[in-house]
Amino acid sequence: MSMTPLQQSVLLALTTEWQTPAQIAGQLPKASSNLSDVNQSLKDLLREGLVQANPVVIGLYRLTTLGTTIKTTEWRENQ
């Protein structure tokens, strides 16, 4: 998957713990922390299978196993 810089930032900010879009946006640089852009990136990552939405509590997201693998790869490339 070819990711935008914002999608990469959102992916790197996500963990395997449930997080809200606001929590994720708070971890991003100010220029990238627009909540609607973060929500769109989450939807894109969800569609690719990198992010999982909480089936019980709406508005919570976390990395999938594939997302964790991709995050590790992205992190190594950015070092």
PDB file of N, CA and C in Angstrom:
ATOM      1  N   MET A   1       0.843  -1.178   0.000  1.00  0.00           N
ATOM      2  CA  MET A   1       0.000   0.000   0.000  1.00  0.00           C
ATOM      3  C   MET A   1       0.890   1.243   0.000  1.00  0.00           C
ATOM      4  N   SER A   2       0.587   2.159  -0.849  1.00  0.00           N
ATOM      5  CA  SER A   2       1.279   3.442  -0.876  1.00  0.00           C
ATOM      6  C   SER A   2       0.527   4.405   0.047  1.00  0.00           C
ATOM      7  N   MET A   3       1.208   4.881   1.088  1.00  0.00           N
ATOM      8  CA  MET A   3       0.555   5.731   2.085  1.00  0.00           C
ATOM      9  C   MET A   3       0.991   7.179   1.949  1.00  0.00           C
ATOM     10  N   THR A   4       0.057   8.077   2.263  1.00  0.00           N
ATOM     11  CA  THR A   4       0.381   9.494   2.322  1.00  0.00           C
ATOM     12  C   THR A   4       1.185   9.741   3.593  1.00  0.00           C
ATOM     13  N   PRO A   5       1.884  10.874   3.675  1.00  0.00           N
ATOM     14  CA  PRO A   5       2.601  11.183   4.915  1.00  0.00           C
ATOM     15  C   PRO A   5       1.684  11.196   6.143  1.00  0.00           C
ATOM     16  N   LEU A   6       0.461  11.692   5.999  1.00  0.00           N
ATOM     17  CA  LEU A   6      -0.465  11.708   7.139  1.00  0.00           C
ATOM     18  C   LEU A   6      -0.859  10.294   7.535  1.00  0.00           C
ATOM     19  N   GLN A   7      -1.135   9.435   6.561  1.00  0.00           N
ATOM     20  CA  GLN A   7      -1.472   8.049   6.877  1.00  0.00           C
ATOM     21  C   GLN A   7      -0.312   7.370   7.597  1.00  0.00           C
ATOM     22  N   GLN A   8       0.914   7.640   7.165  1.00  0.00           N
ATOM     23  CA  GLN A   8       2.088   7.081   7.837  1.00  0.00           C
ATOM     24  C   GLN A   8       2.162   7.582   9.275  1.00  0.00           C
ATOM     25  N   SER A   9       1.905   8.882   9.478  1.00  0.00           N
ATOM     26  CA  SER A   9       1.953   9.448  10.831  1.00  0.00           C
ATOM     27  C   SER A   9       0.892   8.838  11.725  1.00  0.00           C
ATOM     28  N   VAL A  10      -0.314   8.661  11.188  1.00  0.00           N
ATOM     29  CA  VAL A  10      -1.405   8.051  11.962  1.00  0.00           C
ATOM     30  C   VAL A  10      -1.037   6.616  12.304  1.00  0.00           C
ATOM     31  N   LEU A  11      -0.516   5.883  11.333  1.00  0.00           N
ATOM     32  CA  LEU A  11      -0.118   4.500  11.580  1.00  0.00           C
ATOM     33  C   LEU A  11       0.940   4.423  12.676  1.00  0.00           C
ATOM     34  N   LEU A  12       1.918   5.314  12.630  1.00  0.00           N
ATOM     35  CA  LEU A  12       2.979   5.303  13.634  1.00  0.00           C
ATOM     36  C   LEU A  12       2.472   5.723  15.012  1.00  0.00           C
ATOM     37  N   ALA A  13       1.404   6.526  15.060  1.00  0.00           N
ATOM     38  CA  ALA A  13       0.844   6.972  16.342  1.00  0.00           C
ATOM     39  C   ALA A  13      -0.050   5.905  16.978  1.00  0.00           C
ATOM     40  N   LEU A  14      -0.609   5.027  16.161  1.00  0.00           N
ATOM     41  CA  LEU A  14      -1.505   3.987  16.671  1.00  0.00           C
ATOM     42  C   LEU A  14      -0.738   2.917  17.433  1.00  0.00           C
ATOM     43  N   THR A  15      -1.442   2.268  18.361  1.00  0.00           N
ATOM     44  CA  THR A  15      -0.889   1.143  19.114  1.00  0.00           C
ATOM     45  C   THR A  15      -1.900   0.002  19.060  1.00  0.00           C
ATOM     46  N   THR A  16      -1.624  -1.050  19.778  1.00  0.00           N
ATOM     47  CA  THR A  16      -2.574  -2.164  19.857  1.00  0.00           C
ATOM     48  C   THR A  16      -3.629  -1.918  20.931  1.00  0.00           C
ATOM     49  N   GLU A  17      -3.522  -0.799  21.642  1.00  0.00           N
ATOM     50  CA  GLU A  17      -4.547  -0.401  22.618  1.00  0.00           C
ATOM     51  C   GLU A  17      -5.582   0.465  21.904  1.00  0.00           C
ATOM     52  N   TRP A  18      -6.824   0.415  22.375  1.00  0.00           N
ATOM     53  CA  TRP A  18      -7.884   1.212  21.762  1.00  0.00           C
ATOM     54  C   TRP A  18      -7.623   2.698  21.987  1.00  0.00           C
ATOM     55  N   GLN A  19      -7.762   3.487  20.919  1.00  0.00           N
ATOM     56  CA  GLN A  19      -7.547   4.926  20.982  1.00  0.00           C
ATOM     57  C   GLN A  19      -8.637   5.648  20.204  1.00  0.00           C
ATOM     58  N   THR A  20      -8.945   6.869  20.625  1.00  0.00           N
ATOM     59  CA  THR A  20      -9.885   7.706  19.885  1.00  0.00           C
ATOM     60  C   THR A  20      -9.111   8.498  18.832  1.00  0.00           C
ATOM     61  N   PRO A  21      -9.802   8.989  17.808  1.00  0.00           N
ATOM     62  CA  PRO A  21      -9.127   9.844  16.830  1.00  0.00           C
ATOM     63  C   PRO A  21      -8.494  11.080  17.477  1.00  0.00           C
ATOM     64  N   ALA A  22      -9.123  11.634  18.506  1.00  0.00           N
ATOM     65  CA  ALA A  22      -8.561  12.800  19.191  1.00  0.00           C
ATOM     66  C   ALA A  22      -7.245  12.451  19.880  1.00  0.00           C
ATOM     67  N   GLN A  23      -7.164  11.275  20.493  1.00  0.00           N
ATOM     68  CA  GLN A  23      -5.914  10.838  21.123  1.00  0.00           C
ATOM     69  C   GLN A  23      -4.814  10.681  20.079  1.00  0.00           C
ATOM     70  N   ILE A  24      -5.173  10.130  18.940  1.00  0.00           N
ATOM     71  CA  ILE A  24      -4.208   9.937  17.860  1.00  0.00           C
ATOM     72  C   ILE A  24      -3.746  11.289  17.327  1.00  0.00           C
ATOM     73  N   ALA A  25      -4.694  12.183  17.086  1.00  0.00           N
ATOM     74  CA  ALA A  25      -4.360  13.515  16.576  1.00  0.00           C
ATOM     75  C   ALA A  25      -3.452  14.258  17.545  1.00  0.00           C
ATOM     76  N   GLY A  26      -3.628  14.044  18.835  1.00  0.00           N
ATOM     77  CA  GLY A  26      -2.804  14.697  19.844  1.00  0.00           C
ATOM     78  C   GLY A  26      -1.351  14.255  19.816  1.00  0.00           C
ATOM     79  N   GLN A  27      -1.075  13.127  19.186  1.00  0.00           N
ATOM     80  CA  GLN A  27       0.292  12.606  19.087  1.00  0.00           C
ATOM     81  C   GLN A  27       0.997  13.059  17.807  1.00  0.00           C
ATOM     82  N   LEU A  28       0.260  13.712  16.919  1.00  0.00           N
ATOM     83  CA  LEU A  28       0.810  14.121  15.632  1.00  0.00           C
ATOM     84  C   LEU A  28       1.335  15.544  15.693  1.00  0.00           C
ATOM     85  N   PRO A  29       2.236  15.889  14.772  1.00  0.00           N
ATOM     86  CA  PRO A  29       2.673  17.295  14.698  1.00  0.00           C
ATOM     87  C   PRO A  29       1.464  18.192  14.456  1.00  0.00           C
ATOM     88  N   LYS A  30       1.522  19.420  14.946  1.00  0.00           N
ATOM     89  CA  LYS A  30       0.379  20.341  14.847  1.00  0.00           C
ATOM     90  C   LYS A  30      -0.144  20.489  13.427  1.00  0.00           C
ATOM     91  N   ALA A  31       0.738  20.482  12.435  1.00  0.00           N
ATOM     92  CA  ALA A  31       0.315  20.638  11.049  1.00  0.00           C
ATOM     93  C   ALA A  31      -0.530  19.459  10.562  1.00  0.00           C
ATOM     94  N   SER A  32      -0.408  18.315  11.216  1.00  0.00           N
ATOM     95  CA  SER A  32      -1.117  17.103  10.787  1.00  0.00           C
ATOM     96  C   SER A  32      -2.254  16.714  11.716  1.00  0.00           C
ATOM     97  N   SER A  33      -2.539  17.527  12.706  1.00  0.00           N
ATOM     98  CA  SER A  33      -3.471  17.087  13.743  1.00  0.00           C
ATOM     99  C   SER A  33      -4.925  17.482  13.499  1.00  0.00           C
ATOM    100  N   ASN A  34      -5.289  17.812  12.276  1.00  0.00           N
ATOM    101  CA  ASN A  34      -6.671  18.124  11.940  1.00  0.00           C
ATOM    102  C   ASN A  34      -7.504  16.850  12.121  1.00  0.00           C
ATOM    103  N   LEU A  35      -8.494  16.910  12.984  1.00  0.00           N
ATOM    104  CA  LEU A  35      -9.257  15.716  13.355  1.00  0.00           C
ATOM    105  C   LEU A  35      -9.968  15.078  12.167  1.00  0.00           C
ATOM    106  N   SER A  36     -10.507  15.879  11.258  1.00  0.00           N
ATOM    107  CA  SER A  36     -11.198  15.290  10.102  1.00  0.00           C
ATOM    108  C   SER A  36     -10.212  14.569   9.185  1.00  0.00           C
ATOM    109  N   ASP A  37      -8.989  15.089   9.065  1.00  0.00           N
ATOM    110  CA  ASP A  37      -7.969  14.408   8.262  1.00  0.00           C
ATOM    111  C   ASP A  37      -7.538  13.103   8.924  1.00  0.00           C
ATOM    112  N   VAL A  38      -7.437  13.118  10.249  1.00  0.00           N
ATOM    113  CA  VAL A  38      -7.082  11.898  10.987  1.00  0.00           C
ATOM    114  C   VAL A  38      -8.182  10.854  10.799  1.00  0.00           C
ATOM    115  N   ASN A  39      -9.444  11.278  10.893  1.00  0.00           N
ATOM    116  CA  ASN A  39     -10.559  10.348  10.684  1.00  0.00           C
ATOM    117  C   ASN A  39     -10.512   9.730   9.293  1.00  0.00           C
ATOM    118  N   GLN A  40     -10.223  10.545   8.276  1.00  0.00           N
ATOM    119  CA  GLN A  40     -10.146  10.024   6.910  1.00  0.00           C
ATOM    120  C   GLN A  40      -8.997   9.028   6.779  1.00  0.00           C
ATOM    121  N   SER A  41      -7.867   9.343   7.385  1.00  0.00           N
ATOM    122  CA  SER A  41      -6.728   8.416   7.343  1.00  0.00           C
ATOM    123  C   SER A  41      -7.077   7.098   8.035  1.00  0.00           C
ATOM    124  N   LEU A  42      -7.787   7.179   9.158  1.00  0.00           N
ATOM    125  CA  LEU A  42      -8.213   5.962   9.855  1.00  0.00           C
ATOM    126  C   LEU A  42      -9.116   5.119   8.963  1.00  0.00           C
ATOM    127  N   LYS A  43     -10.034   5.759   8.255  1.00  0.00           N
ATOM    128  CA  LYS A  43     -10.926   5.028   7.343  1.00  0.00           C
ATOM    129  C   LYS A  43     -10.120   4.342   6.245  1.00  0.00           C
ATOM    130  N   ASP A  44      -9.133   5.055   5.702  1.00  0.00           N
ATOM    131  CA  ASP A  44      -8.296   4.477   4.653  1.00  0.00           C
ATOM    132  C   ASP A  44      -7.506   3.281   5.178  1.00  0.00           C
ATOM    133  N   LEU A  45      -6.916   3.425   6.354  1.00  0.00           N
ATOM    134  CA  LEU A  45      -6.140   2.340   6.963  1.00  0.00           C
ATOM    135  C   LEU A  45      -7.034   1.172   7.350  1.00  0.00           C
ATOM    136  N   LEU A  46      -8.254   1.469   7.763  1.00  0.00           N
ATOM    137  CA  LEU A  46      -9.237   0.429   8.099  1.00  0.00           C
ATOM    138  C   LEU A  46      -9.559  -0.390   6.856  1.00  0.00           C
ATOM    139  N   ARG A  47      -9.769   0.294   5.754  1.00  0.00           N
ATOM    140  CA  ARG A  47     -10.083  -0.369   4.489  1.00  0.00           C
ATOM    141  C   ARG A  47      -8.937  -1.287   4.024  1.00  0.00           C
ATOM    142  N   GLU A  48      -7.716  -0.916   4.350  1.00  0.00           N
ATOM    143  CA  GLU A  48      -6.546  -1.713   3.976  1.00  0.00           C
ATOM    144  C   GLU A  48      -6.268  -2.851   4.964  1.00  0.00           C
ATOM    145  N   GLY A  49      -7.012  -2.898   6.062  1.00  0.00           N
ATOM    146  CA  GLY A  49      -6.831  -3.962   7.042  1.00  0.00           C
ATOM    147  C   GLY A  49      -5.718  -3.712   8.040  1.00  0.00           C
ATOM    148  N   LEU A  50      -5.238  -2.465   8.116  1.00  0.00           N
ATOM    149  CA  LEU A  50      -4.155  -2.142   9.038  1.00  0.00           C
ATOM    150  C   LEU A  50      -4.674  -1.685  10.392  1.00  0.00           C
ATOM    151  N   VAL A  51      -5.937  -1.266  10.417  1.00  0.00           N
ATOM    152  CA  VAL A  51      -6.566  -0.739  11.628  1.00  0.00           C
ATOM    153  C   VAL A  51      -7.873  -1.487  11.854  1.00  0.00           C
ATOM    154  N   GLN A  52      -8.215  -1.667  13.110  1.00  0.00           N
ATOM    155  CA  GLN A  52      -9.460  -2.321  13.495  1.00  0.00           C
ATOM    156  C   GLN A  52     -10.300  -1.327  14.273  1.00  0.00           C
ATOM    157  N   ALA A  53     -11.604  -1.265  13.960  1.00  0.00           N
ATOM    158  CA  ALA A  53     -12.541  -0.440  14.716  1.00  0.00           C
ATOM    159  C   ALA A  53     -13.160  -1.304  15.807  1.00  0.00           C
ATOM    160  N   ASN A  54     -13.362  -0.713  16.980  1.00  0.00           N
ATOM    161  CA  ASN A  54     -13.958  -1.439  18.096  1.00  0.00           C
ATOM    162  C   ASN A  54     -15.413  -1.753  17.744  1.00  0.00           C
ATOM    163  N   PRO A  55     -15.811  -3.028  17.792  1.00  0.00           N
ATOM    164  CA  PRO A  55     -17.176  -3.398  17.433  1.00  0.00           C
ATOM    165  C   PRO A  55     -18.211  -3.039  18.504  1.00  0.00           C
ATOM    166  N   VAL A  56     -17.756  -2.733  19.708  1.00  0.00           N
ATOM    167  CA  VAL A  56     -18.677  -2.445  20.811  1.00  0.00           C
ATOM    168  C   VAL A  56     -18.759  -0.945  21.090  1.00  0.00           C
ATOM    169  N   VAL A  57     -17.614  -0.294  21.144  1.00  0.00           N
ATOM    170  CA  VAL A  57     -17.555   1.133  21.459  1.00  0.00           C
ATOM    171  C   VAL A  57     -17.161   1.890  20.188  1.00  0.00           C
ATOM    172  N   ILE A  58     -18.108   2.614  19.634  1.00  0.00           N
ATOM    173  CA  ILE A  58     -17.865   3.350  18.390  1.00  0.00           C
ATOM    174  C   ILE A  58     -16.826   4.443  18.626  1.00  0.00           C
ATOM    175  N   GLY A  59     -15.917   4.586  17.662  1.00  0.00           N
ATOM    176  CA  GLY A  59     -14.935   5.653  17.726  1.00  0.00           C
ATOM    177  C   GLY A  59     -13.614   5.268  18.368  1.00  0.00           C
ATOM    178  N   LEU A  60     -13.383   3.981  18.553  1.00  0.00           N
ATOM    179  CA  LEU A  60     -12.105   3.514  19.076  1.00  0.00           C
ATOM    180  C   LEU A  60     -11.422   2.663  18.013  1.00  0.00           C
ATOM    181  N   TYR A  61     -10.120   2.861  17.874  1.00  0.00           N
ATOM    182  CA  TYR A  61      -9.350   2.172  16.841  1.00  0.00           C
ATOM    183  C   TYR A  61      -8.059   1.634  17.430  1.00  0.00           C
ATOM    184  N   ARG A  62      -7.544   0.568  16.818  1.00  0.00           N
ATOM    185  CA  ARG A  62      -6.238   0.029  17.186  1.00  0.00           C
ATOM    186  C   ARG A  62      -5.637  -0.664  15.976  1.00  0.00           C
ATOM    187  N   LEU A  63      -4.349  -0.963  16.077  1.00  0.00           N
ATOM    188  CA  LEU A  63      -3.664  -1.661  15.004  1.00  0.00           C
ATOM    189  C   LEU A  63      -4.084  -3.122  14.946  1.00  0.00           C
ATOM    190  N   THR A  64      -4.123  -3.649  13.742  1.00  0.00           N
ATOM    191  CA  THR A  64      -4.280  -5.090  13.559  1.00  0.00           C
ATOM    192  C   THR A  64      -2.875  -5.703  13.562  1.00  0.00           C
ATOM    193  N   THR A  65      -2.801  -7.003  13.464  1.00  0.00           N
ATOM    194  CA  THR A  65      -1.501  -7.665  13.381  1.00  0.00           C
ATOM    195  C   THR A  65      -0.746  -7.188  12.143  1.00  0.00           C
ATOM    196  N   LEU A  66      -1.445  -7.086  11.027  1.00  0.00           N
ATOM    197  CA  LEU A  66      -0.822  -6.589   9.798  1.00  0.00           C
ATOM    198  C   LEU A  66      -0.369  -5.146   9.985  1.00  0.00           C
ATOM    199  N   GLY A  67      -1.199  -4.329  10.627  1.00  0.00           N
ATOM    200  CA  GLY A  67      -0.839  -2.941  10.895  1.00  0.00           C
ATOM    201  C   GLY A  67       0.402  -2.827  11.760  1.00  0.00           C
ATOM    202  N   THR A  68       0.519  -3.687  12.745  1.00  0.00           N
ATOM    203  CA  THR A  68       1.693  -3.693  13.617  1.00  0.00           C
ATOM    204  C   THR A  68       2.949  -4.035  12.817  1.00  0.00           C
ATOM    205  N   THR A  69       2.835  -5.002  11.923  1.00  0.00           N
ATOM    206  CA  THR A  69       3.971  -5.383  11.078  1.00  0.00           C
ATOM    207  C   THR A  69       4.377  -4.226  10.170  1.00  0.00           C
ATOM    208  N   ILE A  70       3.406  -3.589   9.539  1.00  0.00           N
ATOM    209  CA  ILE A  70       3.681  -2.462   8.641  1.00  0.00           C
ATOM    210  C   ILE A  70       4.262  -1.300   9.440  1.00  0.00           C
ATOM    211  N   LYS A  71       3.730  -1.049  10.635  1.00  0.00           N
ATOM    212  CA  LYS A  71       4.243   0.029  11.484  1.00  0.00           C
ATOM    213  C   LYS A  71       5.709  -0.205  11.813  1.00  0.00           C
ATOM    214  N   THR A  72       6.052  -1.423  12.167  1.00  0.00           N
ATOM    215  CA  THR A  72       7.437  -1.755  12.489  1.00  0.00           C
ATOM    216  C   THR A  72       8.336  -1.510  11.284  1.00  0.00           C
ATOM    217  N   THR A  73       7.872  -1.897  10.117  1.00  0.00           N
ATOM    218  CA  THR A  73       8.636  -1.682   8.883  1.00  0.00           C
ATOM    219  C   THR A  73       8.805  -0.196   8.613  1.00  0.00           C
ATOM    220  N   GLU A  74       7.704   0.581   8.729  1.00  0.00           N
ATOM    221  CA  GLU A  74       7.757   2.036   8.499  1.00  0.00           C
ATOM    222  C   GLU A  74       8.704   2.701   9.486  1.00  0.00           C
ATOM    223  N   TRP A  75       8.638   2.290  10.741  1.00  0.00           N
ATOM    224  CA  TRP A  75       9.471   2.888  11.779  1.00  0.00           C
ATOM    225  C   TRP A  75      10.948   2.659  11.462  1.00  0.00           C
ATOM    226  N   ARG A  76      11.277   1.438  11.048  1.00  0.00           N
ATOM    227  CA  ARG A  76      12.672   1.117  10.715  1.00  0.00           C
ATOM    228  C   ARG A  76      13.158   1.942   9.531  1.00  0.00           C
ATOM    229  N   GLU A  77      12.296   2.128   8.531  1.00  0.00           N
ATOM    230  CA  GLU A  77      12.673   2.899   7.349  1.00  0.00           C
ATOM    231  C   GLU A  77      12.879   4.377   7.670  1.00  0.00           C
ATOM    232  N   ASN A  78      12.164   4.875   8.678  1.00  0.00           N
ATOM    233  CA  ASN A  78      12.265   6.290   9.046  1.00  0.00           C
ATOM    234  C   ASN A  78      13.410   6.578  10.010  1.00  0.00           C
ATOM    235  N   GLN A  79      14.103   5.540  10.449  1.00  0.00           N
ATOM    236  CA  GLN A  79      15.218   5.734  11.391  1.00  0.00           C
ATOM    237  C   GLN A  79      16.465   6.158  10.671  1.00  0.00           C
TER     238      GLN A  79
END
